[in-house]
Amino acid sequence: MDIMINRIEQLEKDTGQIKIDLACLTARSETFATKTDLAELRTEMHQSLVGIHKEMGGMHKEIGSMHREIANQTRWIIATAVAIAATCMTIVKVFF
C-alpha cells in the first residue's frame, strides 16, 4: 500500500509540473505565427518589392536621360572648342 501512495504522490508532483509547463507553452503559443500571418507577410513583402521595382525602373530612365544630356553637352563643348581653335588659327594666319 505504501508503494501505491508513493506512486500517487509522485504523479501529483508530476501533474503540478505538467500544469506549469502547459501554462508556459500556452503563453508562448499566443505569439506564434500562423499560416495566415505568414501569407499576409508574404503578400506585403511582394507588394513592397513591386514598388521598389517600379522606383528602380523610374530611376533607370532618369539616369539614362541624364547620360544622354551629358553626352550632348560634351559634344557641344568639344565642337565649340574646335571652332574657337579654328577661329584663332585663322586670325593668327591672317594677321601674321
PDB file of N, CA and C in Angstrom:
ATOM      1  N   MET A   1       0.812  -1.184   0.000  1.00  0.00           N
ATOM      2  CA  MET A   1       0.000   0.000   0.000  1.00  0.00           C
ATOM      3  C   MET A   1       0.865   1.262   0.000  1.00  0.00           C
ATOM      4  N   ASP A   2       1.988   1.211   0.716  1.00  0.00           N
ATOM      5  CA  ASP A   2       2.900   2.357   0.750  1.00  0.00           C
ATOM      6  C   ASP A   2       3.444   2.669  -0.649  1.00  0.00           C
ATOM      7  N   ILE A   3       3.677   1.622  -1.400  1.00  0.00           N
ATOM      8  CA  ILE A   3       4.188   1.822  -2.758  1.00  0.00           C
ATOM      9  C   ILE A   3       3.159   2.586  -3.593  1.00  0.00           C
ATOM     10  N   MET A   4       1.891   2.218  -3.427  1.00  0.00           N
ATOM     11  CA  MET A   4       0.819   2.878  -4.174  1.00  0.00           C
ATOM     12  C   MET A   4       0.699   4.343  -3.775  1.00  0.00           C
ATOM     13  N   ILE A   5       0.829   4.643  -2.495  1.00  0.00           N
ATOM     14  CA  ILE A   5       0.752   6.024  -2.007  1.00  0.00           C
ATOM     15  C   ILE A   5       1.924   6.833  -2.555  1.00  0.00           C
ATOM     16  N   ASN A   6       3.111   6.246  -2.553  1.00  0.00           N
ATOM     17  CA  ASN A   6       4.296   6.927  -3.092  1.00  0.00           C
ATOM     18  C   ASN A   6       4.116   7.230  -4.582  1.00  0.00           C
ATOM     19  N   ARG A   7       3.568   6.274  -5.311  1.00  0.00           N
ATOM     20  CA  ARG A   7       3.341   6.479  -6.743  1.00  0.00           C
ATOM     21  C   ARG A   7       2.319   7.591  -6.987  1.00  0.00           C
ATOM     22  N   ILE A   8       1.267   7.627  -6.169  1.00  0.00           N
ATOM     23  CA  ILE A   8       0.242   8.663  -6.308  1.00  0.00           C
ATOM     24  C   ILE A   8       0.834  10.031  -5.994  1.00  0.00           C
ATOM     25  N   GLU A   9       1.661  10.124  -4.957  1.00  0.00           N
ATOM     26  CA  GLU A   9       2.304  11.390  -4.614  1.00  0.00           C
ATOM     27  C   GLU A   9       3.211  11.863  -5.760  1.00  0.00           C
ATOM     28  N   GLN A  10       3.951  10.916  -6.336  1.00  0.00           N
ATOM     29  CA  GLN A  10       4.827  11.266  -7.456  1.00  0.00           C
ATOM     30  C   GLN A  10       4.000  11.744  -8.651  1.00  0.00           C
ATOM     31  N   LEU A  11       2.884  11.088  -8.917  1.00  0.00           N
ATOM     32  CA  LEU A  11       2.000  11.513 -10.001  1.00  0.00           C
ATOM     33  C   LEU A  11       1.442  12.908  -9.748  1.00  0.00           C
ATOM     34  N   GLU A  12       1.104  13.226  -8.511  1.00  0.00           N
ATOM     35  CA  GLU A  12       0.600  14.556  -8.175  1.00  0.00           C
ATOM     36  C   GLU A  12       1.672  15.614  -8.413  1.00  0.00           C
ATOM     37  N   LYS A  13       2.927  15.315  -8.039  1.00  0.00           N
ATOM     38  CA  LYS A  13       4.027  16.250  -8.285  1.00  0.00           C
ATOM     39  C   LYS A  13       4.223  16.459  -9.794  1.00  0.00           C
ATOM     40  N   ASP A  14       4.211  15.329 -10.518  1.00  0.00           N
ATOM     41  CA  ASP A  14       4.390  15.415 -11.967  1.00  0.00           C
ATOM     42  C   ASP A  14       3.252  16.200 -12.620  1.00  0.00           C
ATOM     43  N   THR A  15       2.037  16.006 -12.117  1.00  0.00           N
ATOM     44  CA  THR A  15       0.882  16.722 -12.655  1.00  0.00           C
ATOM     45  C   THR A  15       1.034  18.223 -12.431  1.00  0.00           C
ATOM     46  N   GLY A  16       1.531  18.619 -11.283  1.00  0.00           N
ATOM     47  CA  GLY A  16       1.770  20.041 -10.999  1.00  0.00           C
ATOM     48  C   GLY A  16       2.785  20.632 -11.968  1.00  0.00           C
ATOM     49  N   GLN A  17       3.862  19.886 -12.211  1.00  0.00           N
ATOM     50  CA  GLN A  17       4.887  20.357 -13.147  1.00  0.00           C
ATOM     51  C   GLN A  17       4.325  20.425 -14.568  1.00  0.00           C
ATOM     52  N   ILE A  18       3.508  19.457 -14.931  1.00  0.00           N
ATOM     53  CA  ILE A  18       2.890  19.461 -16.259  1.00  0.00           C
ATOM     54  C   ILE A  18       1.988  20.679 -16.416  1.00  0.00           C
ATOM     55  N   LYS A  19       1.249  21.053 -15.374  1.00  0.00           N
ATOM     56  CA  LYS A  19       0.385  22.235 -15.428  1.00  0.00           C
ATOM     57  C   LYS A  19       1.214  23.503 -15.640  1.00  0.00           C
ATOM     58  N   ILE A  20       2.335  23.587 -14.931  1.00  0.00           N
ATOM     59  CA  ILE A  20       3.216  24.755 -15.076  1.00  0.00           C
ATOM     60  C   ILE A  20       3.766  24.825 -16.502  1.00  0.00           C
ATOM     61  N   ASP A  21       4.251  23.679 -16.999  1.00  0.00           N
ATOM     62  CA  ASP A  21       4.788  23.639 -18.359  1.00  0.00           C
ATOM     63  C   ASP A  21       3.720  23.991 -19.391  1.00  0.00           C
ATOM     64  N   LEU A  22       2.518  23.486 -19.191  1.00  0.00           N
ATOM     65  CA  LEU A  22       1.421  23.765 -20.110  1.00  0.00           C
ATOM     66  C   LEU A  22       1.065  25.251 -20.105  1.00  0.00           C
ATOM     67  N   ALA A  23       1.088  25.876 -18.936  1.00  0.00           N
ATOM     68  CA  ALA A  23       0.798  27.308 -18.849  1.00  0.00           C
ATOM     69  C   ALA A  23       1.858  28.116 -19.607  1.00  0.00           C
ATOM     70  N   CYS A  24       3.124  27.725 -19.450  1.00  0.00           N
ATOM     71  CA  CYS A  24       4.207  28.416 -20.173  1.00  0.00           C
ATOM     72  C   CYS A  24       4.049  28.245 -21.682  1.00  0.00           C
ATOM     73  N   LEU A  25       3.760  27.030 -22.110  1.00  0.00           N
ATOM     74  CA  LEU A  25       3.593  26.783 -23.538  1.00  0.00           C
ATOM     75  C   LEU A  25       2.380  27.513 -24.102  1.00  0.00           C
ATOM     76  N   THR A  26       1.318  27.587 -23.325  1.00  0.00           N
ATOM     77  CA  THR A  26       0.122  28.304 -23.767  1.00  0.00           C
ATOM     78  C   THR A  26       0.433  29.789 -23.940  1.00  0.00           C
ATOM     79  N   ALA A  27       1.174  30.356 -22.986  1.00  0.00           N
ATOM     80  CA  ALA A  27       1.535  31.774 -23.081  1.00  0.00           C
ATOM     81  C   ALA A  27       2.419  32.025 -24.304  1.00  0.00           C
ATOM     82  N   ARG A  28       3.360  31.132 -24.564  1.00  0.00           N
ATOM     83  CA  ARG A  28       4.253  31.297 -25.713  1.00  0.00           C
ATOM     84  C   ARG A  28       3.528  31.099 -27.032  1.00  0.00           C
ATOM     85  N   SER A  29       2.557  30.196 -27.034  1.00  0.00           N
ATOM     86  CA  SER A  29       1.872  29.883 -28.294  1.00  0.00           C
ATOM     87  C   SER A  29       1.017  31.047 -28.790  1.00  0.00           C
ATOM     88  N   GLU A  30       0.717  32.002 -27.937  1.00  0.00           N
ATOM     89  CA  GLU A  30      -0.081  33.155 -28.359  1.00  0.00           C
ATOM     90  C   GLU A  30       0.684  34.044 -29.335  1.00  0.00           C
ATOM     91  N   THR A  31       2.012  33.959 -29.317  1.00  0.00           N
ATOM     92  CA  THR A  31       2.821  34.795 -30.202  1.00  0.00           C
ATOM     93  C   THR A  31       3.314  34.042 -31.433  1.00  0.00           C
ATOM     94  N   PHE A  32       2.943  32.787 -31.594  1.00  0.00           N
ATOM     95  CA  PHE A  32       3.364  32.018 -32.763  1.00  0.00           C
ATOM     96  C   PHE A  32       2.704  32.570 -34.018  1.00  0.00           C
ATOM     97  N   ALA A  33       3.428  32.526 -35.116  1.00  0.00           N
ATOM     98  CA  ALA A  33       2.875  32.968 -36.398  1.00  0.00           C
ATOM     99  C   ALA A  33       2.061  31.830 -37.007  1.00  0.00           C
ATOM    100  N   THR A  34       0.918  32.185 -37.542  1.00  0.00           N
ATOM    101  CA  THR A  34       0.073  31.191 -38.193  1.00  0.00           C
ATOM    102  C   THR A  34       0.315  31.237 -39.697  1.00  0.00           C
ATOM    103  N   LYS A  35      -0.260  30.290 -40.401  1.00  0.00           N
ATOM    104  CA  LYS A  35      -0.118  30.285 -41.857  1.00  0.00           C
ATOM    105  C   LYS A  35      -0.716  31.552 -42.458  1.00  0.00           C
ATOM    106  N   THR A  36      -1.802  32.016 -41.875  1.00  0.00           N
ATOM    107  CA  THR A  36      -2.434  33.246 -42.360  1.00  0.00           C
ATOM    108  C   THR A  36      -1.503  34.440 -42.161  1.00  0.00           C
ATOM    109  N   ASP A  37      -0.865  34.502 -40.988  1.00  0.00           N
ATOM    110  CA  ASP A  37       0.078  35.597 -40.721  1.00  0.00           C
ATOM    111  C   ASP A  37       1.224  35.578 -41.731  1.00  0.00           C
ATOM    112  N   LEU A  38       1.744  34.394 -41.996  1.00  0.00           N
ATOM    113  CA  LEU A  38       2.846  34.281 -42.946  1.00  0.00           C
ATOM    114  C   LEU A  38       2.404  34.639 -44.360  1.00  0.00           C
ATOM    115  N   ALA A  39       1.191  34.252 -44.731  1.00  0.00           N
ATOM    116  CA  ALA A  39       0.672  34.605 -46.061  1.00  0.00           C
ATOM    117  C   ALA A  39       0.508  36.114 -46.187  1.00  0.00           C
ATOM    118  N   GLU A  40       0.013  36.763 -45.136  1.00  0.00           N
ATOM    119  CA  GLU A  40      -0.132  38.220 -45.156  1.00  0.00           C
ATOM    120  C   GLU A  40       1.228  38.894 -45.277  1.00  0.00           C
ATOM    121  N   LEU A  41       2.202  38.387 -44.541  1.00  0.00           N
ATOM    122  CA  LEU A  41       3.556  38.943 -44.605  1.00  0.00           C
ATOM    123  C   LEU A  41       4.141  38.768 -46.005  1.00  0.00           C
ATOM    124  N   ARG A  42       3.929  37.600 -46.588  1.00  0.00           N
ATOM    125  CA  ARG A  42       4.429  37.345 -47.933  1.00  0.00           C
ATOM    126  C   ARG A  42       3.796  38.321 -48.936  1.00  0.00           C
ATOM    127  N   THR A  43       2.492  38.539 -48.820  1.00  0.00           N
ATOM    128  CA  THR A  43       1.796  39.468 -49.715  1.00  0.00           C
ATOM    129  C   THR A  43       2.330  40.883 -49.537  1.00  0.00           C
ATOM    130  N   GLU A  44       2.509  41.288 -48.295  1.00  0.00           N
ATOM    131  CA  GLU A  44       3.019  42.634 -48.009  1.00  0.00           C
ATOM    132  C   GLU A  44       4.425  42.821 -48.578  1.00  0.00           C
ATOM    133  N   MET A  45       5.278  41.811 -48.401  1.00  0.00           N
ATOM    134  CA  MET A  45       6.638  41.906 -48.917  1.00  0.00           C
ATOM    135  C   MET A  45       6.635  41.938 -50.447  1.00  0.00           C
ATOM    136  N   HIS A  46       5.749  41.160 -51.062  1.00  0.00           N
ATOM    137  CA  HIS A  46       5.660  41.158 -52.521  1.00  0.00           C
ATOM    138  C   HIS A  46       5.248  42.539 -53.029  1.00  0.00           C
ATOM    139  N   GLN A  47       4.280  43.153 -52.367  1.00  0.00           N
ATOM    140  CA  GLN A  47       3.841  44.489 -52.767  1.00  0.00           C
ATOM    141  C   GLN A  47       4.972  45.499 -52.613  1.00  0.00           C
ATOM    142  N   SER A  48       5.737  45.367 -51.541  1.00  0.00           N
ATOM    143  CA  SER A  48       6.876  46.270 -51.340  1.00  0.00           C
ATOM    144  C   SER A  48       7.910  46.095 -52.445  1.00  0.00           C
ATOM    145  N   LEU A  49       8.190  44.847 -52.802  1.00  0.00           N
ATOM    146  CA  LEU A  49       9.164  44.591 -53.859  1.00  0.00           C
ATOM    147  C   LEU A  49       8.683  45.124 -55.206  1.00  0.00           C
ATOM    148  N   VAL A  50       7.397  45.008 -55.480  1.00  0.00           N
ATOM    149  CA  VAL A  50       6.854  45.557 -56.728  1.00  0.00           C
ATOM    150  C   VAL A  50       7.057  47.071 -56.748  1.00  0.00           C
ATOM    151  N   GLY A  51       6.801  47.725 -55.614  1.00  0.00           N
ATOM    152  CA  GLY A  51       7.019  49.171 -55.524  1.00  0.00           C
ATOM    153  C   GLY A  51       8.473  49.538 -55.740  1.00  0.00           C
ATOM    154  N   ILE A  52       9.365  48.757 -55.175  1.00  0.00           N
ATOM    155  CA  ILE A  52      10.800  49.020 -55.337  1.00  0.00           C
ATOM    156  C   ILE A  52      11.202  48.854 -56.799  1.00  0.00           C
ATOM    157  N   HIS A  53      10.677  47.809 -57.448  1.00  0.00           N
ATOM    158  CA  HIS A  53      10.998  47.604 -58.863  1.00  0.00           C
ATOM    159  C   HIS A  53      10.513  48.776 -59.713  1.00  0.00           C
ATOM    160  N   LYS A  54       9.333  49.310 -59.410  1.00  0.00           N
ATOM    161  CA  LYS A  54       8.822  50.458 -60.160  1.00  0.00           C
ATOM    162  C   LYS A  54       9.725  51.669 -59.960  1.00  0.00           C
ATOM    163  N   GLU A  55      10.139  51.899 -58.716  1.00  0.00           N
ATOM    164  CA  GLU A  55      11.023  53.031 -58.431  1.00  0.00           C
ATOM    165  C   GLU A  55      12.363  52.866 -59.146  1.00  0.00           C
ATOM    166  N   MET A  56      12.891  51.647 -59.140  1.00  0.00           N
ATOM    167  CA  MET A  56      14.168  51.395 -59.811  1.00  0.00           C
ATOM    168  C   MET A  56      14.045  51.630 -61.315  1.00  0.00           C
ATOM    169  N   GLY A  57      12.913  51.238 -61.899  1.00  0.00           N
ATOM    170  CA  GLY A  57      12.696  51.479 -63.326  1.00  0.00           C
ATOM    171  C   GLY A  57      12.675  52.965 -63.638  1.00  0.00           C
ATOM    172  N   GLY A  58      12.009  53.738 -62.779  1.00  0.00           N
ATOM    173  CA  GLY A  58      11.979  55.188 -62.956  1.00  0.00           C
ATOM    174  C   GLY A  58      13.360  55.797 -62.835  1.00  0.00           C
ATOM    175  N   MET A  59      14.127  55.318 -61.865  1.00  0.00           N
ATOM    176  CA  MET A  59      15.485  55.833 -61.692  1.00  0.00           C
ATOM    177  C   MET A  59      16.353  55.473 -62.894  1.00  0.00           C
ATOM    178  N   HIS A  60      16.163  54.267 -63.431  1.00  0.00           N
ATOM    179  CA  HIS A  60      16.938  53.845 -64.594  1.00  0.00           C
ATOM    180  C   HIS A  60      16.665  54.766 -65.781  1.00  0.00           C
ATOM    181  N   LYS A  61      15.402  55.094 -66.003  1.00  0.00           N
ATOM    182  CA  LYS A  61      15.047  56.012 -67.093  1.00  0.00           C
ATOM    183  C   LYS A  61      15.659  57.389 -66.863  1.00  0.00           C
ATOM    184  N   GLU A  62      15.595  57.855 -65.618  1.00  0.00           N
ATOM    185  CA  GLU A  62      16.135  59.178 -65.294  1.00  0.00           C
ATOM    186  C   GLU A  62      17.647  59.219 -65.500  1.00  0.00           C
ATOM    187  N   ILE A  63      18.336  58.177 -65.083  1.00  0.00           N
ATOM    188  CA  ILE A  63      19.793  58.125 -65.255  1.00  0.00           C
ATOM    189  C   ILE A  63      20.144  58.070 -66.739  1.00  0.00           C
ATOM    190  N   GLY A  64      19.366  57.305 -67.514  1.00  0.00           N
ATOM    191  CA  GLY A  64      19.605  57.259 -68.963  1.00  0.00           C
ATOM    192  C   GLY A  64      19.429  58.623 -69.599  1.00  0.00           C
ATOM    193  N   SER A  65      18.415  59.348 -69.167  1.00  0.00           N
ATOM    194  CA  SER A  65      18.174  60.698 -69.684  1.00  0.00           C
ATOM    195  C   SER A  65      19.333  61.622 -69.328  1.00  0.00           C
ATOM    196  N   MET A  66      19.808  61.532 -68.096  1.00  0.00           N
ATOM    197  CA  MET A  66      20.936  62.367 -67.673  1.00  0.00           C
ATOM    198  C   MET A  66      22.180  62.026 -68.490  1.00  0.00           C
ATOM    199  N   HIS A  67      22.394  60.752 -68.764  1.00  0.00           N
ATOM    200  CA  HIS A  67      23.556  60.337 -69.547  1.00  0.00           C
ATOM    201  C   HIS A  67      23.500  60.938 -70.949  1.00  0.00           C
ATOM    202  N   ARG A  68      22.326  60.904 -71.565  1.00  0.00           N
ATOM    203  CA  ARG A  68      22.177  61.495 -72.899  1.00  0.00           C
ATOM    204  C   ARG A  68      22.450  62.998 -72.866  1.00  0.00           C
ATOM    205  N   GLU A  69      21.957  63.681 -71.834  1.00  0.00           N
ATOM    206  CA  GLU A  69      22.183  65.125 -71.720  1.00  0.00           C
ATOM    207  C   GLU A  69      23.667  65.440 -71.564  1.00  0.00           C
ATOM    208  N   ILE A  70      24.353  64.667 -70.738  1.00  0.00           N
ATOM    209  CA  ILE A  70      25.791  64.900 -70.530  1.00  0.00           C
ATOM    210  C   ILE A  70      26.557  64.639 -71.824  1.00  0.00           C
ATOM    211  N   ALA A  71      26.203  63.580 -72.544  1.00  0.00           N
ATOM    212  CA  ALA A  71      26.873  63.280 -73.815  1.00  0.00           C
ATOM    213  C   ALA A  71      26.640  64.409 -74.814  1.00  0.00           C
ATOM    214  N   ASN A  72      25.427  64.927 -74.855  1.00  0.00           N
ATOM    215  CA  ASN A  72      25.105  66.033 -75.766  1.00  0.00           C
ATOM    216  C   ASN A  72      25.904  67.283 -75.405  1.00  0.00           C
ATOM    217  N   GLN A  73      25.992  67.589 -74.115  1.00  0.00           N
ATOM    218  CA  GLN A  73      26.771  68.754 -73.677  1.00  0.00           C
ATOM    219  C   GLN A  73      28.244  68.576 -74.020  1.00  0.00           C
ATOM    220  N   THR A  74      28.755  67.369 -73.850  1.00  0.00           N
ATOM    221  CA  THR A  74      30.160  67.107 -74.162  1.00  0.00           C
ATOM    222  C   THR A  74      30.425  67.349 -75.650  1.00  0.00           C
ATOM    223  N   ARG A  75      29.522  66.879 -76.502  1.00  0.00           N
ATOM    224  CA  ARG A  75      29.682  67.114 -77.947  1.00  0.00           C
ATOM    225  C   ARG A  75      29.723  68.613 -78.256  1.00  0.00           C
ATOM    226  N   TRP A  76      28.826  69.368 -77.644  1.00  0.00           N
ATOM    227  CA  TRP A  76      28.783  70.815 -77.880  1.00  0.00           C
ATOM    228  C   TRP A  76      30.060  71.491 -77.388  1.00  0.00           C
ATOM    229  N   ILE A  77      30.547  71.066 -76.240  1.00  0.00           N
ATOM    230  CA  ILE A  77      31.778  71.672 -75.699  1.00  0.00           C
ATOM    231  C   ILE A  77      32.953  71.392 -76.631  1.00  0.00           C
ATOM    232  N   ILE A  78      33.073  70.143 -77.083  1.00  0.00           N
ATOM    233  CA  ILE A  78      34.181  69.788 -77.981  1.00  0.00           C
ATOM    234  C   ILE A  78      34.056  70.547 -79.300  1.00  0.00           C
ATOM    235  N   ALA A  79      32.850  70.608 -79.842  1.00  0.00           N
ATOM    236  CA  ALA A  79      32.642  71.328 -81.110  1.00  0.00           C
ATOM    237  C   ALA A  79      32.968  72.809 -80.950  1.00  0.00           C
ATOM    238  N   THR A  80      32.563  73.389 -79.835  1.00  0.00           N
ATOM    239  CA  THR A  80      32.854  74.803 -79.576  1.00  0.00           C
ATOM    240  C   THR A  80      34.355  75.025 -79.436  1.00  0.00           C
ATOM    241  N   ALA A  81      35.041  74.119 -78.734  1.00  0.00           N
ATOM    242  CA  ALA A  81      36.492  74.254 -78.565  1.00  0.00           C
ATOM    243  C   ALA A  81      37.200  74.160 -79.913  1.00  0.00           C
ATOM    244  N   VAL A  82      36.767  73.230 -80.763  1.00  0.00           N
ATOM    245  CA  VAL A  82      37.375  73.098 -82.094  1.00  0.00           C
ATOM    246  C   VAL A  82      37.109  74.357 -82.923  1.00  0.00           C
ATOM    247  N   ALA A  83      35.897  74.882 -82.845  1.00  0.00           N
ATOM    248  CA  ALA A  83      35.557  76.096 -83.600  1.00  0.00           C
ATOM    249  C   ALA A  83      36.381  77.281 -83.123  1.00  0.00           C
ATOM    250  N   ILE A  84      36.548  77.411 -81.820  1.00  0.00           N
ATOM    251  CA  ILE A  84      37.361  78.512 -81.278  1.00  0.00           C
ATOM    252  C   ILE A  84      38.809  78.361 -81.712  1.00  0.00           C
ATOM    253  N   ALA A  85      39.317  77.120 -81.656  1.00  0.00           N
ATOM    254  CA  ALA A  85      40.706  76.887 -82.084  1.00  0.00           C
ATOM    255  C   ALA A  85      40.873  77.223 -83.563  1.00  0.00           C
ATOM    256  N   ALA A  86      39.911  76.824 -84.380  1.00  0.00           N
ATOM    257  CA  ALA A  86      39.991  77.125 -85.820  1.00  0.00           C
ATOM    258  C   ALA A  86      39.922  78.625 -86.060  1.00  0.00           C
ATOM    259  N   THR A  87      39.053  79.302 -85.320  1.00  0.00           N
ATOM    260  CA  THR A  87      38.944  80.758 -85.454  1.00  0.00           C
ATOM    261  C   THR A  87      40.248  81.431 -85.051  1.00  0.00           C
ATOM    262  N   CYS A  88      40.833  80.983 -83.961  1.00  0.00           N
ATOM    263  CA  CYS A  88      42.110  81.562 -83.502  1.00  0.00           C
ATOM    264  C   CYS A  88      43.209  81.326 -84.535  1.00  0.00           C
ATOM    265  N   MET A  89      43.263  80.134 -85.116  1.00  0.00           N
ATOM    266  CA  MET A  89      44.283  79.842 -86.128  1.00  0.00           C
ATOM    267  C   MET A  89      44.088  80.719 -87.363  1.00  0.00           C
ATOM    268  N   THR A  90      42.835  80.913 -87.725  1.00  0.00           N
ATOM    269  CA  THR A  90      42.546  81.767 -88.883  1.00  0.00           C
ATOM    270  C   THR A  90      42.966  83.197 -88.611  1.00  0.00           C
ATOM    271  N   ILE A  91      42.674  83.700 -87.432  1.00  0.00           N
ATOM    272  CA  ILE A  91      43.058  85.068 -87.065  1.00  0.00           C
ATOM    273  C   ILE A  91      44.571  85.202 -87.062  1.00  0.00           C
ATOM    274  N   VAL A  92      45.258  84.207 -86.489  1.00  0.00           N
ATOM    275  CA  VAL A  92      46.723  84.252 -86.446  1.00  0.00           C
ATOM    276  C   VAL A  92      47.282  84.214 -87.859  1.00  0.00           C
ATOM    277  N   LYS A  93      46.725  83.381 -88.719  1.00  0.00           N
ATOM    278  CA  LYS A  93      47.213  83.256 -90.094  1.00  0.00           C
ATOM    279  C   LYS A  93      46.990  84.546 -90.888  1.00  0.00           C
ATOM    280  N   VAL A  94      45.853  85.191 -90.638  1.00  0.00           N
ATOM    281  CA  VAL A  94      45.548  86.423 -91.368  1.00  0.00           C
ATOM    282  C   VAL A  94      46.469  87.560 -90.928  1.00  0.00           C
ATOM    283  N   PHE A  95      46.703  87.690 -89.646  1.00  0.00           N
ATOM    284  CA  PHE A  95      47.477  88.827 -89.149  1.00  0.00           C
ATOM    285  C   PHE A  95      48.981  88.587 -89.120  1.00  0.00           C
ATOM    286  N   PHE A  96      49.436  87.383 -89.135  1.00  0.00           N
ATOM    287  CA  PHE A  96      50.885  87.158 -89.030  1.00  0.00           C
ATOM    288  C   PHE A  96      51.426  86.530 -90.246  1.00  0.00           C
TER     289      PHE A  96
END
